[in-house]
Amino acid sequence: MVEPHICAEQAHWHLNLQHFGDTNIKYLEVTGACQACGRKVFFRGPAGLNPGGPTVAMDGSEAIFPFLFEDETYDGKAVGYAVSVRGGN
């Protein structure tokens, strides 16, 4: 088994840019994996898609960061969703 600190040092990151609907909100999607052993990075946080703040994919495999450029303003409805899970077995 590869030690966790080695995976952190060997992480390879993939960035993807998306645009949300008819707004000027853009999303930076981040995924990652260890180049040495192949273990995937799993992000923590609320699952879903929200123009108001960062979220993660439903399975935690992707971090989603909404953004605007400094001279832009949000020009659409606050469309999005987040999922919160509490308790469980």
PDB file of N, CA and C in Angstrom:
ATOM      1  N   MET A   1       0.843  -1.194   0.000  1.00  0.00           N
ATOM      2  CA  MET A   1       0.000   0.000   0.000  1.00  0.00           C
ATOM      3  C   MET A   1       0.882   1.250   0.000  1.00  0.00           C
ATOM      4  N   VAL A   2       0.515   2.231  -0.774  1.00  0.00           N
ATOM      5  CA  VAL A   2       1.251   3.494  -0.849  1.00  0.00           C
ATOM      6  C   VAL A   2       0.857   4.370   0.335  1.00  0.00           C
ATOM      7  N   GLU A   3       1.844   4.998   0.969  1.00  0.00           N
ATOM      8  CA  GLU A   3       1.540   5.872   2.098  1.00  0.00           C
ATOM      9  C   GLU A   3       0.857   7.148   1.605  1.00  0.00           C
ATOM     10  N   PRO A   4      -0.134   7.661   2.374  1.00  0.00           N
ATOM     11  CA  PRO A   4      -0.913   8.834   1.938  1.00  0.00           C
ATOM     12  C   PRO A   4      -0.071  10.051   1.559  1.00  0.00           C
ATOM     13  N   HIS A   5       1.031  10.309   2.282  1.00  0.00           N
ATOM     14  CA  HIS A   5       1.826  11.504   1.943  1.00  0.00           C
ATOM     15  C   HIS A   5       2.466  11.373   0.566  1.00  0.00           C
ATOM     16  N   ILE A   6       2.774  10.155   0.140  1.00  0.00           N
ATOM     17  CA  ILE A   6       3.324   9.954  -1.198  1.00  0.00           C
ATOM     18  C   ILE A   6       2.270  10.289  -2.249  1.00  0.00           C
ATOM     19  N   CYS A   7       1.024   9.871  -2.011  1.00  0.00           N
ATOM     20  CA  CYS A   7      -0.059  10.174  -2.952  1.00  0.00           C
ATOM     21  C   CYS A   7      -0.251  11.687  -3.092  1.00  0.00           C
ATOM     22  N   ALA A   8      -0.213  12.415  -1.968  1.00  0.00           N
ATOM     23  CA  ALA A   8      -0.396  13.868  -2.025  1.00  0.00           C
ATOM     24  C   ALA A   8       0.702  14.522  -2.861  1.00  0.00           C
ATOM     25  N   GLU A   9       1.918  14.009  -2.728  1.00  0.00           N
ATOM     26  CA  GLU A   9       3.045  14.566  -3.483  1.00  0.00           C
ATOM     27  C   GLU A   9       3.005  14.173  -4.955  1.00  0.00           C
ATOM     28  N   GLN A  10       2.335  13.081  -5.280  1.00  0.00           N
ATOM     29  CA  GLN A  10       2.282  12.564  -6.646  1.00  0.00           C
ATOM     30  C   GLN A  10       0.948  12.873  -7.339  1.00  0.00           C
ATOM     31  N   ALA A  11       0.116  13.716  -6.734  1.00  0.00           N
ATOM     32  CA  ALA A  11      -1.217  13.978  -7.287  1.00  0.00           C
ATOM     33  C   ALA A  11      -1.130  14.675  -8.644  1.00  0.00           C
ATOM     34  N   HIS A  12      -1.978  14.234  -9.550  1.00  0.00           N
ATOM     35  CA  HIS A  12      -2.128  14.852 -10.860  1.00  0.00           C
ATOM     36  C   HIS A  12      -3.536  15.447 -10.891  1.00  0.00           C
ATOM     37  N   TRP A  13      -3.650  16.721 -11.236  1.00  0.00           N
ATOM     38  CA  TRP A  13      -4.934  17.423 -11.205  1.00  0.00           C
ATOM     39  C   TRP A  13      -5.426  17.695 -12.617  1.00  0.00           C
ATOM     40  N   HIS A  14      -6.738  17.573 -12.804  1.00  0.00           N
ATOM     41  CA  HIS A  14      -7.371  17.878 -14.087  1.00  0.00           C
ATOM     42  C   HIS A  14      -8.373  18.998 -13.842  1.00  0.00           C
ATOM     43  N   LEU A  15      -8.297  20.053 -14.641  1.00  0.00           N
ATOM     44  CA  LEU A  15      -9.212  21.189 -14.533  1.00  0.00           C
ATOM     45  C   LEU A  15     -10.092  21.241 -15.771  1.00  0.00           C
ATOM     46  N   ASN A  16     -11.377  21.480 -15.561  1.00  0.00           N
ATOM     47  CA  ASN A  16     -12.332  21.579 -16.662  1.00  0.00           C
ATOM     48  C   ASN A  16     -13.172  22.837 -16.440  1.00  0.00           C
ATOM     49  N   LEU A  17     -13.435  23.577 -17.486  1.00  0.00           N
ATOM     50  CA  LEU A  17     -14.231  24.797 -17.391  1.00  0.00           C
ATOM     51  C   LEU A  17     -15.609  24.560 -17.988  1.00  0.00           C
ATOM     52  N   GLN A  18     -16.658  24.917 -17.248  1.00  0.00           N
ATOM     53  CA  GLN A  18     -18.037  24.777 -17.706  1.00  0.00           C
ATOM     54  C   GLN A  18     -18.751  26.115 -17.581  1.00  0.00           C
ATOM     55  N   HIS A  19     -19.837  26.264 -18.312  1.00  0.00           N
ATOM     56  CA  HIS A  19     -20.677  27.462 -18.266  1.00  0.00           C
ATOM     57  C   HIS A  19     -22.068  27.017 -17.849  1.00  0.00           C
ATOM     58  N   PHE A  20     -22.727  27.773 -16.981  1.00  0.00           N
ATOM     59  CA  PHE A  20     -24.007  27.349 -16.439  1.00  0.00           C
ATOM     60  C   PHE A  20     -25.173  28.071 -17.106  1.00  0.00           C
ATOM     61  N   GLY A  21     -25.948  27.342 -17.884  1.00  0.00           N
ATOM     62  CA  GLY A  21     -27.200  27.851 -18.457  1.00  0.00           C
ATOM     63  C   GLY A  21     -27.062  29.169 -19.178  1.00  0.00           C
ATOM     64  N   ASP A  22     -28.031  30.054 -18.960  1.00  0.00           N
ATOM     65  CA  ASP A  22     -28.050  31.356 -19.639  1.00  0.00           C
ATOM     66  C   ASP A  22     -27.506  32.464 -18.751  1.00  0.00           C
ATOM     67  N   THR A  23     -26.595  32.136 -17.859  1.00  0.00           N
ATOM     68  CA  THR A  23     -25.980  33.133 -16.983  1.00  0.00           C
ATOM     69  C   THR A  23     -24.526  33.319 -17.389  1.00  0.00           C
ATOM     70  N   ASN A  24     -23.847  34.256 -16.747  1.00  0.00           N
ATOM     71  CA  ASN A  24     -22.420  34.403 -16.998  1.00  0.00           C
ATOM     72  C   ASN A  24     -21.589  33.706 -15.925  1.00  0.00           C
ATOM     73  N   ILE A  25     -22.210  32.872 -15.109  1.00  0.00           N
ATOM     74  CA  ILE A  25     -21.487  32.084 -14.113  1.00  0.00           C
ATOM     75  C   ILE A  25     -20.715  30.970 -14.826  1.00  0.00           C
ATOM     76  N   LYS A  26     -19.446  30.848 -14.479  1.00  0.00           N
ATOM     77  CA  LYS A  26     -18.623  29.760 -14.987  1.00  0.00           C
ATOM     78  C   LYS A  26     -18.257  28.861 -13.817  1.00  0.00           C
ATOM     79  N   TYR A  27     -17.963  27.604 -14.098  1.00  0.00           N
ATOM     80  CA  TYR A  27     -17.584  26.654 -13.063  1.00  0.00           C
ATOM     81  C   TYR A  27     -16.255  26.025 -13.407  1.00  0.00           C
ATOM     82  N   LEU A  28     -15.353  26.008 -12.449  1.00  0.00           N
ATOM     83  CA  LEU A  28     -14.105  25.284 -12.580  1.00  0.00           C
ATOM     84  C   LEU A  28     -14.307  23.946 -11.881  1.00  0.00           C
ATOM     85  N   GLU A  29     -14.168  22.863 -12.626  1.00  0.00           N
ATOM     86  CA  GLU A  29     -14.323  21.519 -12.079  1.00  0.00           C
ATOM     87  C   GLU A  29     -12.933  20.917 -11.905  1.00  0.00           C
ATOM     88  N   VAL A  30     -12.653  20.383 -10.721  1.00  0.00           N
ATOM     89  CA  VAL A  30     -11.337  19.849 -10.393  1.00  0.00           C
ATOM     90  C   VAL A  30     -11.461  18.373 -10.036  1.00  0.00           C
ATOM     91  N   THR A  31     -10.652  17.523 -10.660  1.00  0.00           N
ATOM     92  CA  THR A  31     -10.534  16.122 -10.292  1.00  0.00           C
ATOM     93  C   THR A  31      -9.050  15.823 -10.095  1.00  0.00           C
ATOM     94  N   GLY A  32      -8.757  14.748  -9.386  1.00  0.00           N
ATOM     95  CA  GLY A  32      -7.358  14.411  -9.151  1.00  0.00           C
ATOM     96  C   GLY A  32      -7.166  12.941  -8.858  1.00  0.00           C
ATOM     97  N   ALA A  33      -5.938  12.473  -9.048  1.00  0.00           N
ATOM     98  CA  ALA A  33      -5.570  11.092  -8.748  1.00  0.00           C
ATOM     99  C   ALA A  33      -4.065  11.022  -8.524  1.00  0.00           C
ATOM    100  N   CYS A  34      -3.624  10.016  -7.771  1.00  0.00           N
ATOM    101  CA  CYS A  34      -2.207   9.778  -7.533  1.00  0.00           C
ATOM    102  C   CYS A  34      -1.599   9.144  -8.778  1.00  0.00           C
ATOM    103  N   GLN A  35      -0.509   9.718  -9.274  1.00  0.00           N
ATOM    104  CA  GLN A  35       0.156   9.164 -10.453  1.00  0.00           C
ATOM    105  C   GLN A  35       0.882   7.862 -10.130  1.00  0.00           C
ATOM    106  N   ALA A  36       1.242   7.658  -8.864  1.00  0.00           N
ATOM    107  CA  ALA A  36       1.996   6.466  -8.491  1.00  0.00           C
ATOM    108  C   ALA A  36       1.103   5.234  -8.350  1.00  0.00           C
ATOM    109  N   CYS A  37      -0.042   5.387  -7.656  1.00  0.00           N
ATOM    110  CA  CYS A  37      -0.874   4.210  -7.381  1.00  0.00           C
ATOM    111  C   CYS A  37      -2.254   4.266  -8.030  1.00  0.00           C
ATOM    112  N   GLY A  38      -2.659   5.432  -8.559  1.00  0.00           N
ATOM    113  CA  GLY A  38      -3.949   5.549  -9.227  1.00  0.00           C
ATOM    114  C   GLY A  38      -5.124   5.870  -8.332  1.00  0.00           C
ATOM    115  N   ARG A  39      -4.898   5.988  -7.009  1.00  0.00           N
ATOM    116  CA  ARG A  39      -6.020   6.308  -6.114  1.00  0.00           C
ATOM    117  C   ARG A  39      -6.588   7.670  -6.472  1.00  0.00           C
ATOM    118  N   LYS A  40      -7.928   7.749  -6.538  1.00  0.00           N
ATOM    119  CA  LYS A  40      -8.606   9.000  -6.883  1.00  0.00           C
ATOM    120  C   LYS A  40      -8.758   9.892  -5.664  1.00  0.00           C
ATOM    121  N   VAL A  41      -8.793  11.194  -5.902  1.00  0.00           N
ATOM    122  CA  VAL A  41      -9.066  12.184  -4.869  1.00  0.00           C
ATOM    123  C   VAL A  41     -10.579  12.277  -4.701  1.00  0.00           C
ATOM    124  N   PHE A  42     -11.058  12.317  -3.459  1.00  0.00           N
ATOM    125  CA  PHE A  42     -12.476  12.529  -3.179  1.00  0.00           C
ATOM    126  C   PHE A  42     -12.614  13.783  -2.330  1.00  0.00           C
ATOM    127  N   PHE A  43     -13.455  14.703  -2.793  1.00  0.00           N
ATOM    128  CA  PHE A  43     -13.642  15.991  -2.148  1.00  0.00           C
ATOM    129  C   PHE A  43     -14.794  15.926  -1.152  1.00  0.00           C
ATOM    130  N   ARG A  44     -14.717  16.766  -0.143  1.00  0.00           N
ATOM    131  CA  ARG A  44     -15.756  16.831   0.875  1.00  0.00           C
ATOM    132  C   ARG A  44     -16.515  18.140   0.716  1.00  0.00           C
ATOM    133  N   GLY A  45     -17.784  18.129   1.071  1.00  0.00           N
ATOM    134  CA  GLY A  45     -18.587  19.335   0.993  1.00  0.00           C
ATOM    135  C   GLY A  45     -19.990  18.996   0.546  1.00  0.00           C
ATOM    136  N   PRO A  46     -20.843  19.999   0.450  1.00  0.00           N
ATOM    137  CA  PRO A  46     -22.211  19.740   0.005  1.00  0.00           C
ATOM    138  C   PRO A  46     -22.220  19.316  -1.465  1.00  0.00           C
ATOM    139  N   ALA A  47     -23.012  18.324  -1.775  1.00  0.00           N
ATOM    140  CA  ALA A  47     -23.107  17.832  -3.154  1.00  0.00           C
ATOM    141  C   ALA A  47     -24.127  18.645  -3.930  1.00  0.00           C
ATOM    142  N   GLY A  48     -23.869  18.863  -5.192  1.00  0.00           N
ATOM    143  CA  GLY A  48     -24.820  19.565  -6.041  1.00  0.00           C
ATOM    144  C   GLY A  48     -24.139  20.579  -6.929  1.00  0.00           C
ATOM    145  N   LEU A  49     -24.898  21.599  -7.301  1.00  0.00           N
ATOM    146  CA  LEU A  49     -24.412  22.679  -8.158  1.00  0.00           C
ATOM    147  C   LEU A  49     -25.055  23.956  -7.654  1.00  0.00           C
ATOM    148  N   ASN A  50     -24.238  24.944  -7.285  1.00  0.00           N
ATOM    149  CA  ASN A  50     -24.758  26.149  -6.666  1.00  0.00           C
ATOM    150  C   ASN A  50     -23.930  27.342  -7.128  1.00  0.00           C
ATOM    151  N   PRO A  51     -24.546  28.343  -7.776  1.00  0.00           N
ATOM    152  CA  PRO A  51     -23.778  29.508  -8.209  1.00  0.00           C
ATOM    153  C   PRO A  51     -23.276  30.351  -7.044  1.00  0.00           C
ATOM    154  N   GLY A  52     -23.775  30.090  -5.832  1.00  0.00           N
ATOM    155  CA  GLY A  52     -23.387  30.871  -4.664  1.00  0.00           C
ATOM    156  C   GLY A  52     -22.168  30.364  -3.926  1.00  0.00           C
ATOM    157  N   GLY A  53     -21.667  29.171  -4.251  1.00  0.00           N
ATOM    158  CA  GLY A  53     -20.509  28.660  -3.524  1.00  0.00           C
ATOM    159  C   GLY A  53     -20.064  27.297  -4.002  1.00  0.00           C
ATOM    160  N   PRO A  54     -18.910  26.841  -3.518  1.00  0.00           N
ATOM    161  CA  PRO A  54     -18.344  25.558  -3.939  1.00  0.00           C
ATOM    162  C   PRO A  54     -19.211  24.373  -3.529  1.00  0.00           C
ATOM    163  N   THR A  55     -19.214  23.355  -4.348  1.00  0.00           N
ATOM    164  CA  THR A  55     -19.907  22.102  -4.078  1.00  0.00           C
ATOM    165  C   THR A  55     -19.047  20.957  -4.601  1.00  0.00           C
ATOM    166  N   VAL A  56     -19.543  19.738  -4.438  1.00  0.00           N
ATOM    167  CA  VAL A  56     -18.853  18.567  -4.976  1.00  0.00           C
ATOM    168  C   VAL A  56     -19.833  17.741  -5.791  1.00  0.00           C
ATOM    169  N   ALA A  57     -19.300  16.892  -6.672  1.00  0.00           N
ATOM    170  CA  ALA A  57     -20.140  15.958  -7.423  1.00  0.00           C
ATOM    171  C   ALA A  57     -20.816  15.007  -6.435  1.00  0.00           C
ATOM    172  N   MET A  58     -21.905  14.403  -6.853  1.00  0.00           N
ATOM    173  CA  MET A  58     -22.667  13.518  -5.972  1.00  0.00           C
ATOM    174  C   MET A  58     -21.802  12.418  -5.360  1.00  0.00           C
ATOM    175  N   ASP A  59     -20.806  11.920  -6.085  1.00  0.00           N
ATOM    176  CA  ASP A  59     -19.940  10.862  -5.554  1.00  0.00           C
ATOM    177  C   ASP A  59     -18.646  11.399  -4.932  1.00  0.00           C
ATOM    178  N   GLY A  60     -18.486  12.722  -4.866  1.00  0.00           N
ATOM    179  CA  GLY A  60     -17.312  13.329  -4.254  1.00  0.00           C
ATOM    180  C   GLY A  60     -16.062  13.338  -5.116  1.00  0.00           C
ATOM    181  N   SER A  61     -16.158  12.863  -6.346  1.00  0.00           N
ATOM    182  CA  SER A  61     -14.980  12.742  -7.199  1.00  0.00           C
ATOM    183  C   SER A  61     -14.565  14.049  -7.872  1.00  0.00           C
ATOM    184  N   GLU A  62     -15.345  15.106  -7.705  1.00  0.00           N
ATOM    185  CA  GLU A  62     -15.082  16.363  -8.406  1.00  0.00           C
ATOM    186  C   GLU A  62     -15.477  17.535  -7.518  1.00  0.00           C
ATOM    187  N   ALA A  63     -14.596  18.524  -7.407  1.00  0.00           N
ATOM    188  CA  ALA A  63     -14.921  19.774  -6.728  1.00  0.00           C
ATOM    189  C   ALA A  63     -15.395  20.762  -7.789  1.00  0.00           C
ATOM    190  N   ILE A  64     -16.425  21.540  -7.454  1.00  0.00           N
ATOM    191  CA  ILE A  64     -17.025  22.462  -8.419  1.00  0.00           C
ATOM    192  C   ILE A  64     -16.993  23.870  -7.819  1.00  0.00           C
ATOM    193  N   PHE A  65     -16.266  24.769  -8.473  1.00  0.00           N
ATOM    194  CA  PHE A  65     -16.095  26.133  -7.977  1.00  0.00           C
ATOM    195  C   PHE A  65     -16.722  27.132  -8.943  1.00  0.00           C
ATOM    196  N   PRO A  66     -17.817  27.813  -8.543  1.00  0.00           N
ATOM    197  CA  PRO A  66     -18.397  28.839  -9.420  1.00  0.00           C
ATOM    198  C   PRO A  66     -17.559  30.116  -9.363  1.00  0.00           C
ATOM    199  N   PHE A  67     -17.483  30.828 -10.492  1.00  0.00           N
ATOM    200  CA  PHE A  67     -16.730  32.080 -10.477  1.00  0.00           C
ATOM    201  C   PHE A  67     -17.231  33.040 -11.550  1.00  0.00           C
ATOM    202  N   LEU A  68     -16.886  34.304 -11.355  1.00  0.00           N
ATOM    203  CA  LEU A  68     -17.074  35.379 -12.328  1.00  0.00           C
ATOM    204  C   LEU A  68     -15.740  36.109 -12.436  1.00  0.00           C
ATOM    205  N   PHE A  69     -15.512  36.793 -13.529  1.00  0.00           N
ATOM    206  CA  PHE A  69     -14.344  37.653 -13.613  1.00  0.00           C
ATOM    207  C   PHE A  69     -14.643  38.955 -12.881  1.00  0.00           C
ATOM    208  N   GLU A  70     -13.615  39.711 -12.507  1.00  0.00           N
ATOM    209  CA  GLU A  70     -13.790  40.855 -11.614  1.00  0.00           C
ATOM    210  C   GLU A  70     -14.744  41.928 -12.134  1.00  0.00           C
ATOM    211  N   ASP A  71     -14.913  42.098 -13.416  1.00  0.00           N
ATOM    212  CA  ASP A  71     -15.802  43.132 -13.927  1.00  0.00           C
ATOM    213  C   ASP A  71     -17.201  42.597 -14.264  1.00  0.00           C
ATOM    214  N   GLU A  72     -17.490  41.323 -13.942  1.00  0.00           N
ATOM    215  CA  GLU A  72     -18.787  40.730 -14.255  1.00  0.00           C
ATOM    216  C   GLU A  72     -19.703  40.735 -13.023  1.00  0.00           C
ATOM    217  N   THR A  73     -20.996  40.728 -13.296  1.00  0.00           N
ATOM    218  CA  THR A  73     -21.987  40.576 -12.231  1.00  0.00           C
ATOM    219  C   THR A  73     -22.870  39.391 -12.592  1.00  0.00           C
ATOM    220  N   TYR A  74     -23.466  38.807 -11.587  1.00  0.00           N
ATOM    221  CA  TYR A  74     -24.342  37.666 -11.802  1.00  0.00           C
ATOM    222  C   TYR A  74     -25.583  38.139 -12.535  1.00  0.00           C
ATOM    223  N   ASP A  75     -25.921  37.518 -13.671  1.00  0.00           N
ATOM    224  CA  ASP A  75     -27.022  38.009 -14.499  1.00  0.00           C
ATOM    225  C   ASP A  75     -28.118  36.970 -14.724  1.00  0.00           C
ATOM    226  N   GLY A  76     -28.408  36.179 -13.732  1.00  0.00           N
ATOM    227  CA  GLY A  76     -29.446  35.162 -13.916  1.00  0.00           C
ATOM    228  C   GLY A  76     -30.133  34.831 -12.614  1.00  0.00           C
ATOM    229  N   LYS A  77     -31.025  33.881 -12.678  1.00  0.00           N
ATOM    230  CA  LYS A  77     -31.707  33.418 -11.483  1.00  0.00           C
ATOM    231  C   LYS A  77     -30.765  32.518 -10.696  1.00  0.00           C
ATOM    232  N   ALA A  78     -30.980  32.456  -9.391  1.00  0.00           N
ATOM    233  CA  ALA A  78     -30.152  31.611  -8.529  1.00  0.00           C
ATOM    234  C   ALA A  78     -30.556  30.154  -8.709  1.00  0.00           C
ATOM    235  N   VAL A  79     -30.202  29.581  -9.840  1.00  0.00           N
ATOM    236  CA  VAL A  79     -30.547  28.202 -10.163  1.00  0.00           C
ATOM    237  C   VAL A  79     -29.422  27.295  -9.695  1.00  0.00           C
ATOM    238  N   GLY A  80     -29.777  26.246  -9.006  1.00  0.00           N
ATOM    239  CA  GLY A  80     -28.791  25.280  -8.539  1.00  0.00           C
ATOM    240  C   GLY A  80     -29.410  24.424  -7.470  1.00  0.00           C
ATOM    241  N   TYR A  81     -28.633  23.516  -6.938  1.00  0.00           N
ATOM    242  CA  TYR A  81     -29.123  22.666  -5.869  1.00  0.00           C
ATOM    243  C   TYR A  81     -27.938  22.168  -5.061  1.00  0.00           C
ATOM    244  N   ALA A  82     -28.203  21.803  -3.829  1.00  0.00           N
ATOM    245  CA  ALA A  82     -27.195  21.167  -2.973  1.00  0.00           C
ATOM    246  C   ALA A  82     -27.890  20.078  -2.199  1.00  0.00           C
ATOM    247  N   VAL A  83     -27.179  19.023  -1.886  1.00  0.00           N
ATOM    248  CA  VAL A  83     -27.729  17.877  -1.172  1.00  0.00           C
ATOM    249  C   VAL A  83     -26.982  17.721   0.137  1.00  0.00           C
ATOM    250  N   SER A  84     -27.712  17.555   1.228  1.00  0.00           N
ATOM    251  CA  SER A  84     -27.117  17.334   2.527  1.00  0.00           C
ATOM    252  C   SER A  84     -27.626  16.015   3.087  1.00  0.00           C
ATOM    253  N   VAL A  85     -26.721  15.162   3.521  1.00  0.00           N
ATOM    254  CA  VAL A  85     -27.109  13.869   4.076  1.00  0.00           C
ATOM    255  C   VAL A  85     -26.726  13.860   5.557  1.00  0.00           C
ATOM    256  N   ARG A  86     -27.683  13.499   6.393  1.00  0.00           N
ATOM    257  CA  ARG A  86     -27.432  13.454   7.832  1.00  0.00           C
ATOM    258  C   ARG A  86     -27.760  12.074   8.361  1.00  0.00           C
ATOM    259  N   GLY A  87     -26.993  11.662   9.340  1.00  0.00           N
ATOM    260  CA  GLY A  87     -27.258  10.364   9.975  1.00  0.00           C
ATOM    261  C   GLY A  87     -26.911   9.215   9.065  1.00  0.00           C
ATOM    262  N   GLY A  88     -27.558   8.112   9.266  1.00  0.00           N
ATOM    263  CA  GLY A  88     -27.301   6.935   8.445  1.00  0.00           C
ATOM    264  C   GLY A  88     -26.812   5.785   9.299  1.00  0.00           C
ATOM    265  N   ASN A  89     -26.656   4.649   8.667  1.00  0.00           N
ATOM    266  CA  ASN A  89     -26.202   3.459   9.405  1.00  0.00           C
ATOM    267  C   ASN A  89     -24.725   3.265   9.258  1.00  0.00           C
TER     268      ASN A  89
END
